Amino acid sequence: MAQHNELGKKGEQLAVDFLLNKEYSILEQNYRFDKAEVDIIAQKKNVLAIVEVKTRSTIHFGNPQDFVKPKQIQNLVKAVNEYVIVNDLDVEIRFDIIAIVKKDNNYKVEHLKDAFYHF
């Protein structure tokens, strides 16, 4: 597996662990609909957190959260709309980013709530 894929998988696992530690329930990982893949769908009380995980080995080219593009956001919104309808959910929806930067053998995890879109 390519090194960037391994870093991405490690980042997603760190994000799941982070959310579990913050008392979120993980409902889905890598949920796919149409052209979108939602990294994590988590719930805490009546809030459905749609979490995009961005992991980088350096911030030399920008912060991880800077790499979420408008088309990706549009696809995520469609996927989440489908997920909510199919599962007949009555929840508040929030779009978050978990930005992770690896430095040496340590990882800095930052949870950005309401990062790019809000219903």
Protein backbone atom coordinates (compact mmCIF):
# COMPACT_ATOMS: atom_id res chain seq x y z
CA MET A 1 0.00 0.00 0.00
CA ALA A 2 1.27 3.47 -0.83
CA GLN A 3 2.57 5.50 2.08
CA HIS A 4 -0.10 8.22 1.67
CA ASN A 5 -2.84 5.54 1.79
CA GLU A 6 -1.38 4.17 5.02
CA LEU A 7 -1.29 7.68 6.49
CA GLY A 8 -4.92 8.20 5.47
CA LYS A 9 -6.04 4.94 7.10
CA LYS A 10 -4.09 5.80 10.25
CA GLY A 11 -5.74 9.24 10.28
CA GLU A 12 -9.22 7.75 9.98
CA GLN A 13 -8.55 5.38 12.87
CA LEU A 14 -7.22 8.26 14.99
CA ALA A 15 -10.38 10.23 14.14
CA VAL A 16 -12.64 7.32 15.16
CA ASP A 17 -10.73 6.90 18.43
CA PHE A 18 -10.94 10.65 19.06
CA LEU A 19 -14.72 10.69 18.50
CA LEU A 20 -15.31 7.61 20.66
CA ASN A 21 -13.30 9.29 23.41
CA LYS A 22 -15.63 12.31 23.09
CA GLU A 23 -18.67 10.01 23.54
CA TYR A 24 -19.82 9.89 19.93
CA SER A 25 -21.30 6.70 18.52
CA ILE A 26 -19.82 5.69 15.17
CA LEU A 27 -22.71 4.79 12.84
CA GLU A 28 -20.79 4.39 9.58
CA GLN A 29 -17.29 4.52 8.19
CA ASN A 30 -16.57 5.06 4.50
CA TYR A 31 -20.27 5.35 3.65
CA ARG A 32 -20.68 5.54 -0.12
CA PHE A 33 -23.46 7.06 -2.16
CA ASP A 34 -23.22 8.06 -5.81
CA LYS A 35 -19.85 9.86 -6.20
CA ALA A 36 -19.36 10.58 -2.51
CA GLU A 37 -17.64 8.79 0.30
CA VAL A 38 -18.35 9.99 3.81
CA ASP A 39 -15.39 9.15 6.03
CA ILE A 40 -17.32 8.95 9.30
CA ILE A 41 -20.96 9.34 10.29
CA ALA A 42 -21.14 9.72 14.05
CA GLN A 43 -23.86 10.66 16.48
CA LYS A 44 -23.85 12.36 19.85
CA LYS A 45 -27.25 12.93 21.38
CA ASN A 46 -29.45 14.46 18.65
CA VAL A 47 -26.57 15.59 16.43
CA LEU A 48 -25.45 13.63 13.41
CA ALA A 49 -21.84 14.59 12.75
CA ILE A 50 -20.67 14.08 9.19
CA VAL A 51 -16.92 13.95 9.50
CA GLU A 52 -14.40 14.42 6.73
CA VAL A 53 -10.94 13.31 7.85
CA LYS A 54 -7.92 15.03 6.34
CA THR A 55 -4.48 13.75 7.30
CA ARG A 56 -1.21 15.28 6.19
CA SER A 57 2.43 14.64 6.95
CA THR A 58 3.23 18.35 6.68
CA ILE A 59 1.46 21.71 6.57
CA HIS A 60 4.00 22.99 4.06
CA PHE A 61 1.31 23.13 1.34
CA GLY A 62 -1.53 24.19 3.64
CA ASN A 63 -3.60 22.94 6.55
CA PRO A 64 -5.40 19.62 6.07
CA GLN A 65 -8.82 21.29 6.20
CA ASP A 66 -7.86 23.47 3.24
CA PHE A 67 -8.07 20.41 0.99
CA VAL A 68 -11.86 19.99 1.18
CA LYS A 69 -13.12 21.21 -2.19
CA PRO A 70 -16.58 22.64 -3.07
CA LYS A 71 -17.49 19.69 -5.34
CA GLN A 72 -16.62 17.27 -2.54
CA ILE A 73 -18.84 19.22 -0.16
CA GLN A 74 -21.69 19.11 -2.69
CA ASN A 75 -21.33 15.33 -3.02
CA LEU A 76 -21.20 14.89 0.76
CA VAL A 77 -24.44 16.84 1.18
CA LYS A 78 -26.18 14.58 -1.36
CA ALA A 79 -24.87 11.43 0.33
CA VAL A 80 -25.94 12.58 3.78
CA ASN A 81 -29.36 13.57 2.53
CA GLU A 82 -29.79 10.04 1.18
CA TYR A 83 -28.50 8.51 4.44
CA VAL A 84 -30.95 10.53 6.55
CA ILE A 85 -33.91 9.65 4.31
CA VAL A 86 -33.09 5.93 4.04
CA ASN A 87 -32.59 5.65 7.80
CA ASP A 88 -35.60 7.88 8.61
CA LEU A 89 -33.57 10.04 10.99
CA ASP A 90 -34.81 13.13 12.78
CA VAL A 91 -31.56 14.74 13.85
CA GLU A 92 -29.60 17.94 13.58
CA ILE A 93 -26.89 17.55 10.94
CA ARG A 94 -23.46 19.05 11.33
CA PHE A 95 -20.53 18.84 8.93
CA ASP A 96 -17.16 18.57 10.66
CA ILE A 97 -13.57 18.13 9.65
CA ILE A 98 -11.01 16.29 11.70
CA ALA A 99 -7.64 17.61 10.62
CA ILE A 100 -4.62 15.50 11.52
CA VAL A 101 -0.99 16.42 11.04
CA LYS A 102 1.80 13.93 11.61
CA LYS A 103 4.99 15.31 13.08
CA ASP A 104 7.72 12.77 13.69
CA ASN A 105 5.87 9.93 15.46
CA ASN A 106 3.16 12.15 16.94
CA TYR A 107 -0.20 13.22 15.56
CA LYS A 108 -1.98 16.49 16.21
CA VAL A 109 -5.76 16.02 15.99
CA GLU A 110 -8.02 19.05 15.55
CA HIS A 111 -11.84 18.76 15.46
CA LEU A 112 -13.44 21.57 13.47
CA LYS A 113 -17.19 21.58 14.11
CA ASP A 114 -19.56 23.15 11.56
CA ALA A 115 -16.60 23.32 9.23
CA PHE A 116 -18.22 24.00 5.87
CA TYR A 117 -21.96 23.57 5.66
CA HIS A 118 -24.90 23.67 7.99
CA PHE A 119 -28.54 22.70 7.45
